[in-house]
């Protein structure tokens, strides 16, 4: 009995070490591109919001769209969201729209919002949404992952890992001035 408990603890520690190592490997990794990406599937996606209403991402065509893939259990995701809300307030009148896509349940997201209010739409996804993020450059299908689209719907930048408010602010200022 003691031996099997020891093996279970060692296995759990090994799994924890692998997860921490993976997350540390993601820090600071980003891919930026200004290449037009015609036919990206992002605007064809339809998801459900927290009220159970279907929302087509196509409704935000013509805006600078920041799509953030996140989950309530993802610590870096939780850290970046208050900054995203501040930037949404700052740039709302300049045609910028933030959008969060979570792979959580509605109940978990509603509970999260009680502690961390978010002022942009949060939609519910599933693993097919994560596959969609891979088409945008998230080949690891990890979180958080953020994709920035210009007004023409071209993929302007992506970031795997936590995206800082100053970094995104600079990107948005540049996109708005174009």
N, C-alpha and C. Protein backbone atom coordinates (compact mmCIF):
# COMPACT_ATOMS: atom_id res chain seq x y z
N UNK A 1 0.82 -1.20 0.00
CA UNK A 1 0.00 0.00 0.00
C UNK A 1 0.86 1.25 0.00
N UNK A 2 1.87 1.29 0.88
CA UNK A 2 2.73 2.46 0.95
C UNK A 2 3.50 2.65 -0.34
N UNK A 3 3.92 1.55 -0.94
CA UNK A 3 4.69 1.63 -2.19
C UNK A 3 3.83 2.19 -3.32
N UNK A 4 2.59 1.77 -3.43
CA UNK A 4 1.73 2.29 -4.51
C UNK A 4 1.40 3.77 -4.27
N UNK A 5 1.25 4.18 -3.03
CA UNK A 5 1.03 5.59 -2.73
C UNK A 5 2.24 6.41 -3.12
N UNK A 6 3.43 5.89 -2.82
CA UNK A 6 4.66 6.59 -3.20
C UNK A 6 4.76 6.75 -4.71
N UNK A 7 4.43 5.69 -5.46
CA UNK A 7 4.47 5.77 -6.93
C UNK A 7 3.45 6.77 -7.45
N UNK A 8 2.28 6.83 -6.83
CA UNK A 8 1.26 7.78 -7.25
C UNK A 8 1.74 9.22 -7.01
N UNK A 9 2.36 9.45 -5.87
CA UNK A 9 2.87 10.79 -5.57
C UNK A 9 3.99 11.16 -6.54
N UNK A 10 4.90 10.24 -6.80
CA UNK A 10 5.99 10.52 -7.74
C UNK A 10 5.45 10.79 -9.15
N UNK A 11 4.45 10.03 -9.55
CA UNK A 11 3.85 10.26 -10.86
C UNK A 11 3.19 11.63 -10.94
N UNK A 12 2.50 12.01 -9.88
CA UNK A 12 1.87 13.33 -9.84
C UNK A 12 2.89 14.45 -9.90
N UNK A 13 3.99 14.29 -9.17
CA UNK A 13 5.06 15.29 -9.20
C UNK A 13 5.69 15.39 -10.58
N UNK A 14 5.87 14.25 -11.24
CA UNK A 14 6.44 14.26 -12.60
C UNK A 14 5.51 14.99 -13.57
N UNK A 15 4.21 14.74 -13.44
CA UNK A 15 3.24 15.43 -14.29
C UNK A 15 3.25 16.93 -14.02
N UNK A 16 3.29 17.32 -12.75
CA UNK A 16 3.34 18.72 -12.40
C UNK A 16 4.60 19.38 -12.97
N UNK A 17 5.73 18.71 -12.86
CA UNK A 17 6.98 19.25 -13.40
C UNK A 17 6.90 19.43 -14.91
N UNK A 18 6.27 18.48 -15.59
CA UNK A 18 6.12 18.59 -17.05
C UNK A 18 5.25 19.78 -17.43
N UNK A 19 4.16 19.98 -16.69
CA UNK A 19 3.26 21.10 -16.98
C UNK A 19 3.97 22.42 -16.73
N UNK A 20 4.67 22.54 -15.60
CA UNK A 20 5.39 23.78 -15.29
C UNK A 20 6.46 24.04 -16.34
N UNK A 21 7.19 23.02 -16.71
CA UNK A 21 8.23 23.18 -17.73
C UNK A 21 7.65 23.62 -19.06
N UNK A 22 6.51 23.07 -19.44
CA UNK A 22 5.85 23.45 -20.68
C UNK A 22 5.44 24.92 -20.61
N UNK A 23 4.83 25.33 -19.50
CA UNK A 23 4.40 26.72 -19.36
C UNK A 23 5.59 27.67 -19.38
N UNK A 24 6.68 27.31 -18.72
CA UNK A 24 7.87 28.16 -18.74
C UNK A 24 8.44 28.27 -20.15
N UNK A 25 8.34 27.20 -20.90
CA UNK A 25 8.82 27.23 -22.28
C UNK A 25 8.00 28.14 -23.17
N UNK A 26 6.75 28.41 -22.77
CA UNK A 26 5.88 29.28 -23.57
C UNK A 26 6.14 30.75 -23.31
N UNK A 27 6.68 31.11 -22.15
CA UNK A 27 6.84 32.53 -21.80
C UNK A 27 7.62 33.26 -22.85
N UNK A 28 7.05 34.37 -23.31
CA UNK A 28 7.75 35.24 -24.24
C UNK A 28 7.74 34.77 -25.68
N UNK A 29 7.16 33.62 -25.96
CA UNK A 29 7.13 33.16 -27.34
C UNK A 29 6.03 33.91 -28.08
N UNK A 30 6.38 34.48 -29.19
CA UNK A 30 5.36 35.14 -29.98
C UNK A 30 5.71 35.02 -31.44
N UNK A 31 4.71 35.11 -32.24
CA UNK A 31 4.87 35.10 -33.67
C UNK A 31 4.11 36.30 -34.18
N UNK A 32 4.76 37.14 -34.92
CA UNK A 32 4.07 38.30 -35.46
C UNK A 32 4.17 38.23 -36.98
N UNK A 33 3.11 38.60 -37.62
CA UNK A 33 3.10 38.55 -39.07
C UNK A 33 2.25 39.69 -39.60
N UNK A 34 2.60 40.17 -40.76
CA UNK A 34 1.75 41.15 -41.41
C UNK A 34 1.28 40.60 -42.76
N UNK A 35 1.48 39.31 -42.94
CA UNK A 35 1.09 38.65 -44.17
C UNK A 35 -0.43 38.47 -44.19
N UNK A 36 -1.02 38.81 -45.31
CA UNK A 36 -2.46 38.61 -45.46
C UNK A 36 -2.75 37.12 -45.37
N UNK A 37 -3.80 36.78 -44.69
CA UNK A 37 -4.18 35.39 -44.53
C UNK A 37 -5.62 35.21 -45.01
N UNK A 38 -5.80 35.16 -46.33
CA UNK A 38 -7.16 35.06 -46.86
C UNK A 38 -7.80 33.74 -46.46
N UNK A 39 -9.09 33.78 -46.27
CA UNK A 39 -9.83 32.57 -45.98
C UNK A 39 -9.64 32.04 -44.58
N UNK A 40 -9.13 32.87 -43.66
CA UNK A 40 -9.00 32.39 -42.30
C UNK A 40 -10.37 32.00 -41.78
N UNK A 41 -10.45 30.92 -41.07
CA UNK A 41 -11.76 30.42 -40.63
C UNK A 41 -12.36 31.18 -39.45
N UNK A 42 -11.68 32.15 -38.90
CA UNK A 42 -12.15 32.81 -37.69
C UNK A 42 -13.51 33.47 -37.88
N UNK A 43 -13.77 34.09 -39.01
CA UNK A 43 -15.03 34.80 -39.20
C UNK A 43 -16.19 33.88 -39.56
N UNK A 44 -15.89 32.62 -39.79
CA UNK A 44 -16.94 31.64 -40.06
C UNK A 44 -17.40 30.94 -38.79
N UNK A 45 -16.75 31.23 -37.67
CA UNK A 45 -17.05 30.56 -36.41
C UNK A 45 -18.30 31.16 -35.78
N UNK A 46 -19.16 30.31 -35.28
CA UNK A 46 -20.34 30.71 -34.51
C UNK A 46 -20.27 29.97 -33.18
N UNK A 47 -20.36 30.74 -32.09
CA UNK A 47 -20.27 30.18 -30.75
C UNK A 47 -21.43 30.69 -29.90
N UNK A 48 -21.53 30.16 -28.71
CA UNK A 48 -22.59 30.55 -27.78
C UNK A 48 -22.01 31.48 -26.73
N UNK A 49 -22.76 32.54 -26.39
CA UNK A 49 -22.31 33.45 -25.34
C UNK A 49 -22.79 32.94 -23.97
N UNK A 50 -22.56 33.71 -22.92
CA UNK A 50 -22.90 33.28 -21.57
C UNK A 50 -24.40 33.24 -21.31
N UNK A 51 -25.19 33.83 -22.20
CA UNK A 51 -26.65 33.81 -22.07
C UNK A 51 -27.28 32.74 -22.95
N UNK A 52 -26.45 31.94 -23.62
CA UNK A 52 -26.96 30.88 -24.48
C UNK A 52 -27.31 31.33 -25.89
N UNK A 53 -27.01 32.57 -26.23
CA UNK A 53 -27.30 33.11 -27.56
C UNK A 53 -26.14 32.80 -28.51
N UNK A 54 -26.45 32.42 -29.73
CA UNK A 54 -25.39 32.17 -30.70
C UNK A 54 -24.85 33.50 -31.22
N UNK A 55 -23.55 33.54 -31.38
CA UNK A 55 -22.86 34.74 -31.85
C UNK A 55 -21.92 34.35 -32.98
N UNK A 56 -22.05 34.99 -34.12
CA UNK A 56 -21.14 34.78 -35.23
C UNK A 56 -19.99 35.77 -35.12
N UNK A 57 -18.78 35.29 -35.25
CA UNK A 57 -17.64 36.19 -35.21
C UNK A 57 -17.64 37.12 -36.41
N UNK A 58 -18.37 36.75 -37.45
CA UNK A 58 -18.49 37.60 -38.63
C UNK A 58 -19.12 38.96 -38.33
N UNK A 59 -19.84 39.08 -37.22
CA UNK A 59 -20.48 40.37 -36.88
C UNK A 59 -19.44 41.45 -36.57
N UNK A 60 -18.19 41.05 -36.35
CA UNK A 60 -17.15 42.02 -36.04
C UNK A 60 -16.23 42.31 -37.22
N UNK A 61 -16.61 41.88 -38.42
CA UNK A 61 -15.83 42.25 -39.61
C UNK A 61 -15.75 43.76 -39.70
N UNK A 62 -14.62 44.26 -40.19
CA UNK A 62 -14.44 45.69 -40.34
C UNK A 62 -13.86 46.36 -39.10
N UNK A 63 -13.75 45.63 -38.02
CA UNK A 63 -13.14 46.16 -36.80
C UNK A 63 -11.76 45.54 -36.63
N UNK A 64 -10.94 46.19 -35.85
CA UNK A 64 -9.71 45.55 -35.39
C UNK A 64 -10.17 44.58 -34.31
N UNK A 65 -9.94 43.31 -34.53
CA UNK A 65 -10.48 42.27 -33.66
C UNK A 65 -9.35 41.56 -32.93
N UNK A 66 -9.45 41.52 -31.62
CA UNK A 66 -8.49 40.79 -30.80
C UNK A 66 -9.23 39.59 -30.24
N UNK A 67 -8.83 38.40 -30.65
CA UNK A 67 -9.46 37.16 -30.22
C UNK A 67 -8.50 36.47 -29.26
N UNK A 68 -8.96 36.30 -28.02
CA UNK A 68 -8.14 35.69 -26.98
C UNK A 68 -8.74 34.35 -26.58
N UNK A 69 -7.95 33.29 -26.77
CA UNK A 69 -8.33 31.95 -26.35
C UNK A 69 -7.83 31.77 -24.93
N UNK A 70 -8.71 31.39 -24.00
CA UNK A 70 -8.35 31.37 -22.59
C UNK A 70 -9.17 30.31 -21.86
N UNK A 71 -8.86 30.13 -20.57
CA UNK A 71 -9.63 29.26 -19.69
C UNK A 71 -9.52 29.79 -18.27
N UNK A 72 -10.52 29.51 -17.46
CA UNK A 72 -10.52 30.02 -16.09
C UNK A 72 -9.40 29.42 -15.25
N UNK A 73 -8.96 28.23 -15.58
CA UNK A 73 -7.90 27.56 -14.82
C UNK A 73 -6.51 27.99 -15.26
N UNK A 74 -6.41 28.81 -16.29
CA UNK A 74 -5.13 29.24 -16.86
C UNK A 74 -4.68 30.54 -16.19
N UNK A 75 -3.66 30.46 -15.34
CA UNK A 75 -3.20 31.63 -14.59
C UNK A 75 -2.74 32.79 -15.50
N UNK A 76 -1.91 32.55 -16.53
CA UNK A 76 -1.52 33.66 -17.41
C UNK A 76 -2.72 34.29 -18.12
N UNK A 77 -3.73 33.47 -18.41
CA UNK A 77 -4.96 34.00 -19.03
C UNK A 77 -5.62 34.99 -18.10
N UNK A 78 -5.75 34.59 -16.86
CA UNK A 78 -6.41 35.43 -15.86
C UNK A 78 -5.64 36.73 -15.64
N UNK A 79 -4.31 36.68 -15.71
CA UNK A 79 -3.47 37.86 -15.49
C UNK A 79 -3.65 38.91 -16.58
N UNK A 80 -3.83 38.47 -17.83
CA UNK A 80 -3.86 39.43 -18.93
C UNK A 80 -5.24 40.05 -19.16
N UNK A 81 -6.29 39.47 -18.64
CA UNK A 81 -7.64 39.94 -18.94
C UNK A 81 -7.97 41.33 -18.40
N UNK A 82 -7.53 41.73 -17.20
CA UNK A 82 -7.82 43.11 -16.78
C UNK A 82 -7.20 44.15 -17.73
N UNK A 83 -6.00 43.88 -18.23
CA UNK A 83 -5.38 44.78 -19.20
C UNK A 83 -6.16 44.82 -20.50
N UNK A 84 -6.69 43.67 -20.93
CA UNK A 84 -7.51 43.65 -22.13
C UNK A 84 -8.76 44.50 -21.94
N UNK A 85 -9.35 44.43 -20.76
CA UNK A 85 -10.54 45.25 -20.48
C UNK A 85 -10.20 46.74 -20.53
N UNK A 86 -9.05 47.11 -19.98
CA UNK A 86 -8.66 48.53 -20.03
C UNK A 86 -8.45 48.98 -21.48
N UNK A 87 -7.81 48.12 -22.28
CA UNK A 87 -7.59 48.48 -23.69
C UNK A 87 -8.90 48.52 -24.47
N UNK A 88 -9.85 47.64 -24.12
CA UNK A 88 -11.16 47.69 -24.76
C UNK A 88 -11.81 49.05 -24.50
N UNK A 89 -11.74 49.52 -23.26
CA UNK A 89 -12.28 50.84 -22.93
C UNK A 89 -11.56 51.94 -23.72
N UNK A 90 -10.25 51.85 -23.78
CA UNK A 90 -9.44 52.89 -24.42
C UNK A 90 -9.72 52.99 -25.92
N UNK A 91 -9.91 51.85 -26.58
CA UNK A 91 -10.00 51.84 -28.04
C UNK A 91 -11.39 51.51 -28.60
N UNK A 92 -12.36 51.35 -27.75
CA UNK A 92 -13.72 50.98 -28.22
C UNK A 92 -14.22 51.93 -29.30
N UNK A 93 -14.04 53.23 -29.10
CA UNK A 93 -14.53 54.23 -30.04
C UNK A 93 -13.68 54.33 -31.30
N UNK A 94 -12.61 53.59 -31.36
CA UNK A 94 -11.74 53.61 -32.54
C UNK A 94 -11.88 52.33 -33.37
N UNK A 95 -12.97 51.59 -33.13
CA UNK A 95 -13.24 50.40 -33.93
C UNK A 95 -12.46 49.17 -33.52
N UNK A 96 -12.13 49.06 -32.23
CA UNK A 96 -11.42 47.89 -31.72
C UNK A 96 -12.39 47.05 -30.91
N UNK A 97 -12.36 45.74 -31.14
CA UNK A 97 -13.24 44.83 -30.41
C UNK A 97 -12.44 43.65 -29.88
N UNK A 98 -12.49 43.47 -28.57
CA UNK A 98 -11.90 42.30 -27.93
C UNK A 98 -12.96 41.21 -27.84
N UNK A 99 -12.50 39.97 -27.85
CA UNK A 99 -13.39 38.82 -27.76
C UNK A 99 -12.64 37.70 -27.06
N UNK A 100 -13.24 37.14 -26.03
CA UNK A 100 -12.64 36.01 -25.32
C UNK A 100 -13.36 34.73 -25.67
N UNK A 101 -12.59 33.70 -26.01
CA UNK A 101 -13.17 32.39 -26.29
C UNK A 101 -12.58 31.41 -25.28
N UNK A 102 -13.46 30.87 -24.44
CA UNK A 102 -13.03 29.97 -23.38
C UNK A 102 -13.48 28.54 -23.66
N UNK A 103 -12.72 27.61 -23.15
CA UNK A 103 -13.11 26.20 -23.29
C UNK A 103 -13.68 25.69 -21.96
N UNK A 104 -14.20 26.61 -21.15
CA UNK A 104 -14.81 26.28 -19.87
C UNK A 104 -16.33 26.18 -20.00
N UNK A 105 -16.96 25.87 -18.88
CA UNK A 105 -18.42 25.89 -18.81
C UNK A 105 -18.89 27.30 -18.48
N UNK A 106 -20.14 27.57 -18.77
CA UNK A 106 -20.73 28.87 -18.47
C UNK A 106 -20.60 29.18 -16.98
N UNK A 107 -20.92 28.19 -16.13
CA UNK A 107 -20.87 28.41 -14.68
C UNK A 107 -19.49 28.85 -14.22
N UNK A 108 -18.44 28.24 -14.73
CA UNK A 108 -17.08 28.60 -14.33
C UNK A 108 -16.73 30.02 -14.79
N UNK A 109 -17.18 30.39 -15.98
CA UNK A 109 -16.88 31.72 -16.50
C UNK A 109 -17.65 32.79 -15.72
N UNK A 110 -18.90 32.51 -15.40
CA UNK A 110 -19.69 33.46 -14.62
C UNK A 110 -19.05 33.65 -13.25
N UNK A 111 -18.60 32.59 -12.64
CA UNK A 111 -17.92 32.68 -11.34
C UNK A 111 -16.63 33.48 -11.47
N UNK A 112 -15.88 33.25 -12.53
CA UNK A 112 -14.65 34.01 -12.78
C UNK A 112 -14.96 35.50 -12.90
N UNK A 113 -16.01 35.85 -13.62
CA UNK A 113 -16.36 37.26 -13.84
C UNK A 113 -16.78 37.98 -12.56
N UNK A 114 -17.21 37.24 -11.56
CA UNK A 114 -17.54 37.88 -10.28
C UNK A 114 -16.27 38.45 -9.65
N UNK A 115 -15.17 37.74 -9.80
CA UNK A 115 -13.89 38.19 -9.22
C UNK A 115 -13.13 39.11 -10.16
N UNK A 116 -13.27 38.88 -11.47
CA UNK A 116 -12.53 39.64 -12.47
C UNK A 116 -13.50 40.07 -13.57
N UNK A 117 -14.13 41.23 -13.42
CA UNK A 117 -15.07 41.68 -14.45
C UNK A 117 -14.36 41.89 -15.79
N UNK A 118 -15.03 41.51 -16.84
CA UNK A 118 -14.53 41.65 -18.20
C UNK A 118 -15.57 42.43 -18.99
N UNK A 119 -15.13 43.44 -19.76
CA UNK A 119 -16.07 44.32 -20.45
C UNK A 119 -16.17 44.04 -21.95
N UNK A 120 -15.84 42.84 -22.34
CA UNK A 120 -15.97 42.44 -23.74
C UNK A 120 -16.62 41.06 -23.79
N UNK A 121 -17.16 40.67 -24.95
CA UNK A 121 -17.89 39.41 -25.03
C UNK A 121 -17.00 38.21 -24.73
N UNK A 122 -17.57 37.28 -23.97
CA UNK A 122 -16.94 35.99 -23.69
C UNK A 122 -17.83 34.91 -24.29
N UNK A 123 -17.22 34.07 -25.09
CA UNK A 123 -17.95 33.00 -25.77
C UNK A 123 -17.42 31.65 -25.31
N UNK A 124 -18.24 30.63 -25.49
CA UNK A 124 -17.90 29.28 -25.07
C UNK A 124 -17.47 28.47 -26.29
N UNK A 125 -16.30 27.86 -26.17
CA UNK A 125 -15.80 27.01 -27.25
C UNK A 125 -15.63 25.58 -26.77
N UNK A 126 -15.09 24.77 -27.65
CA UNK A 126 -14.78 23.38 -27.33
C UNK A 126 -13.46 23.05 -28.00
N UNK A 127 -13.12 21.79 -28.06
CA UNK A 127 -11.83 21.43 -28.62
C UNK A 127 -11.74 21.74 -30.12
N UNK A 128 -12.85 21.81 -30.83
CA UNK A 128 -12.79 22.18 -32.25
C UNK A 128 -12.36 23.64 -32.39
N UNK A 129 -12.68 24.46 -31.38
CA UNK A 129 -12.23 25.86 -31.39
C UNK A 129 -10.72 25.91 -31.23
N UNK A 130 -10.18 25.04 -30.40
CA UNK A 130 -8.72 24.99 -30.24
C UNK A 130 -8.07 24.55 -31.56
N UNK A 131 -8.71 23.64 -32.27
CA UNK A 131 -8.19 23.26 -33.59
C UNK A 131 -8.20 24.46 -34.53
N UNK A 132 -9.22 25.29 -34.42
CA UNK A 132 -9.30 26.51 -35.21
C UNK A 132 -8.15 27.43 -34.87
N UNK A 133 -7.79 27.52 -33.58
CA UNK A 133 -6.67 28.38 -33.19
C UNK A 133 -5.36 27.88 -33.79
N UNK A 134 -5.25 26.59 -34.03
CA UNK A 134 -4.04 26.04 -34.68
C UNK A 134 -3.91 26.59 -36.10
N UNK A 135 -5.03 26.80 -36.77
CA UNK A 135 -4.99 27.37 -38.12
C UNK A 135 -4.51 28.81 -38.10
N UNK A 136 -4.59 29.44 -36.93
CA UNK A 136 -4.13 30.81 -36.78
C UNK A 136 -2.67 30.88 -36.31
N UNK A 137 -2.06 29.73 -36.06
CA UNK A 137 -0.67 29.70 -35.63
C UNK A 137 -0.43 29.07 -34.29
N UNK A 138 -1.48 28.71 -33.57
CA UNK A 138 -1.34 28.08 -32.26
C UNK A 138 -1.16 26.58 -32.43
N UNK A 139 -0.03 26.20 -33.02
CA UNK A 139 0.19 24.79 -33.35
C UNK A 139 0.28 23.91 -32.11
N UNK A 140 0.64 24.50 -30.96
CA UNK A 140 0.68 23.73 -29.70
C UNK A 140 -0.70 23.60 -29.08
N UNK A 141 -1.66 24.38 -29.57
CA UNK A 141 -3.01 24.43 -29.03
C UNK A 141 -2.97 24.65 -27.52
N UNK A 142 -2.15 25.62 -27.11
CA UNK A 142 -1.96 25.96 -25.70
C UNK A 142 -2.65 27.28 -25.40
N UNK A 143 -2.73 27.60 -24.12
CA UNK A 143 -3.38 28.83 -23.67
C UNK A 143 -2.43 29.62 -22.78
N UNK A 144 -2.59 30.93 -22.75
CA UNK A 144 -3.45 31.75 -23.60
C UNK A 144 -2.84 31.90 -24.99
N UNK A 145 -3.71 32.17 -25.94
CA UNK A 145 -3.31 32.44 -27.31
C UNK A 145 -4.16 33.60 -27.79
N UNK A 146 -3.51 34.61 -28.35
CA UNK A 146 -4.22 35.80 -28.82
C UNK A 146 -3.90 36.05 -30.28
N UNK A 147 -4.93 36.31 -31.05
CA UNK A 147 -4.78 36.65 -32.47
C UNK A 147 -5.37 38.04 -32.70
N UNK A 148 -4.62 38.88 -33.40
CA UNK A 148 -5.05 40.25 -33.70
C UNK A 148 -5.29 40.35 -35.20
N UNK A 149 -6.48 40.81 -35.56
CA UNK A 149 -6.85 40.97 -36.96
C UNK A 149 -7.02 42.46 -37.27
N UNK A 150 -6.54 42.88 -38.44
CA UNK A 150 -6.73 44.28 -38.83
C UNK A 150 -8.15 44.48 -39.36
N UNK A 151 -8.47 45.69 -39.76
CA UNK A 151 -9.83 46.01 -40.22
C UNK A 151 -10.24 45.22 -41.47
N UNK A 152 -9.26 44.82 -42.26
CA UNK A 152 -9.53 44.05 -43.47
C UNK A 152 -9.67 42.55 -43.18
N UNK A 153 -9.52 42.17 -41.92
CA UNK A 153 -9.64 40.76 -41.56
C UNK A 153 -8.36 39.98 -41.72
N UNK A 154 -7.25 40.68 -41.97
CA UNK A 154 -5.96 39.99 -42.10
C UNK A 154 -5.36 39.77 -40.72
N UNK A 155 -4.73 38.63 -40.55
CA UNK A 155 -4.05 38.33 -39.30
C UNK A 155 -2.84 39.24 -39.19
N UNK A 156 -2.85 40.12 -38.19
CA UNK A 156 -1.78 41.10 -38.01
C UNK A 156 -0.72 40.62 -37.03
N UNK A 157 -1.12 39.86 -36.01
CA UNK A 157 -0.17 39.41 -35.00
C UNK A 157 -0.79 38.28 -34.20
N UNK A 158 0.05 37.42 -33.66
CA UNK A 158 -0.39 36.38 -32.73
C UNK A 158 0.60 36.31 -31.59
N UNK A 159 0.12 35.80 -30.48
CA UNK A 159 1.00 35.60 -29.33
C UNK A 159 0.54 34.37 -28.57
N UNK A 160 1.46 33.45 -28.38
CA UNK A 160 1.22 32.30 -27.54
C UNK A 160 1.85 32.61 -26.19
N UNK A 161 1.06 32.59 -25.15
CA UNK A 161 1.52 32.98 -23.83
C UNK A 161 0.92 34.32 -23.46
N UNK A 162 1.25 34.77 -22.26
CA UNK A 162 0.67 36.01 -21.74
C UNK A 162 1.08 37.20 -22.60
N UNK A 163 0.10 38.00 -23.00
CA UNK A 163 0.32 39.20 -23.80
C UNK A 163 0.20 40.40 -22.87
N UNK A 164 1.28 41.17 -22.75
CA UNK A 164 1.27 42.31 -21.83
C UNK A 164 0.44 43.46 -22.41
N UNK A 165 -0.11 44.23 -21.51
CA UNK A 165 -0.91 45.39 -21.90
C UNK A 165 -0.10 46.39 -22.73
N UNK A 166 1.13 46.75 -22.31
CA UNK A 166 1.91 47.70 -23.13
C UNK A 166 2.23 47.16 -24.53
N UNK A 167 2.52 45.87 -24.64
CA UNK A 167 2.82 45.27 -25.94
C UNK A 167 1.61 45.36 -26.86
N UNK A 168 0.44 44.99 -26.34
CA UNK A 168 -0.76 45.03 -27.16
C UNK A 168 -1.19 46.47 -27.45
N UNK A 169 -1.00 47.36 -26.50
CA UNK A 169 -1.32 48.77 -26.70
C UNK A 169 -0.53 49.33 -27.89
N UNK A 170 0.75 49.00 -27.96
CA UNK A 170 1.58 49.47 -29.07
C UNK A 170 1.09 48.89 -30.40
N UNK A 171 0.73 47.62 -30.41
CA UNK A 171 0.22 47.00 -31.64
C UNK A 171 -1.07 47.67 -32.10
N UNK A 172 -1.97 47.92 -31.14
CA UNK A 172 -3.24 48.55 -31.49
C UNK A 172 -3.05 49.98 -31.99
N UNK A 173 -2.16 50.73 -31.35
CA UNK A 173 -1.90 52.10 -31.81
C UNK A 173 -1.43 52.10 -33.25
N UNK A 174 -0.56 51.15 -33.57
CA UNK A 174 -0.05 51.05 -34.95
C UNK A 174 -1.16 50.68 -35.92
N UNK A 175 -1.99 49.70 -35.56
CA UNK A 175 -3.07 49.29 -36.45
C UNK A 175 -4.10 50.41 -36.66
N UNK A 176 -4.38 51.16 -35.63
CA UNK A 176 -5.35 52.25 -35.75
C UNK A 176 -4.83 53.36 -36.65
N UNK A 177 -3.54 53.59 -36.61
CA UNK A 177 -2.96 54.69 -37.41
C UNK A 177 -2.82 54.35 -38.88
N UNK A 178 -3.03 53.12 -39.27
CA UNK A 178 -2.90 52.72 -40.67
C UNK A 178 -4.05 53.22 -41.50
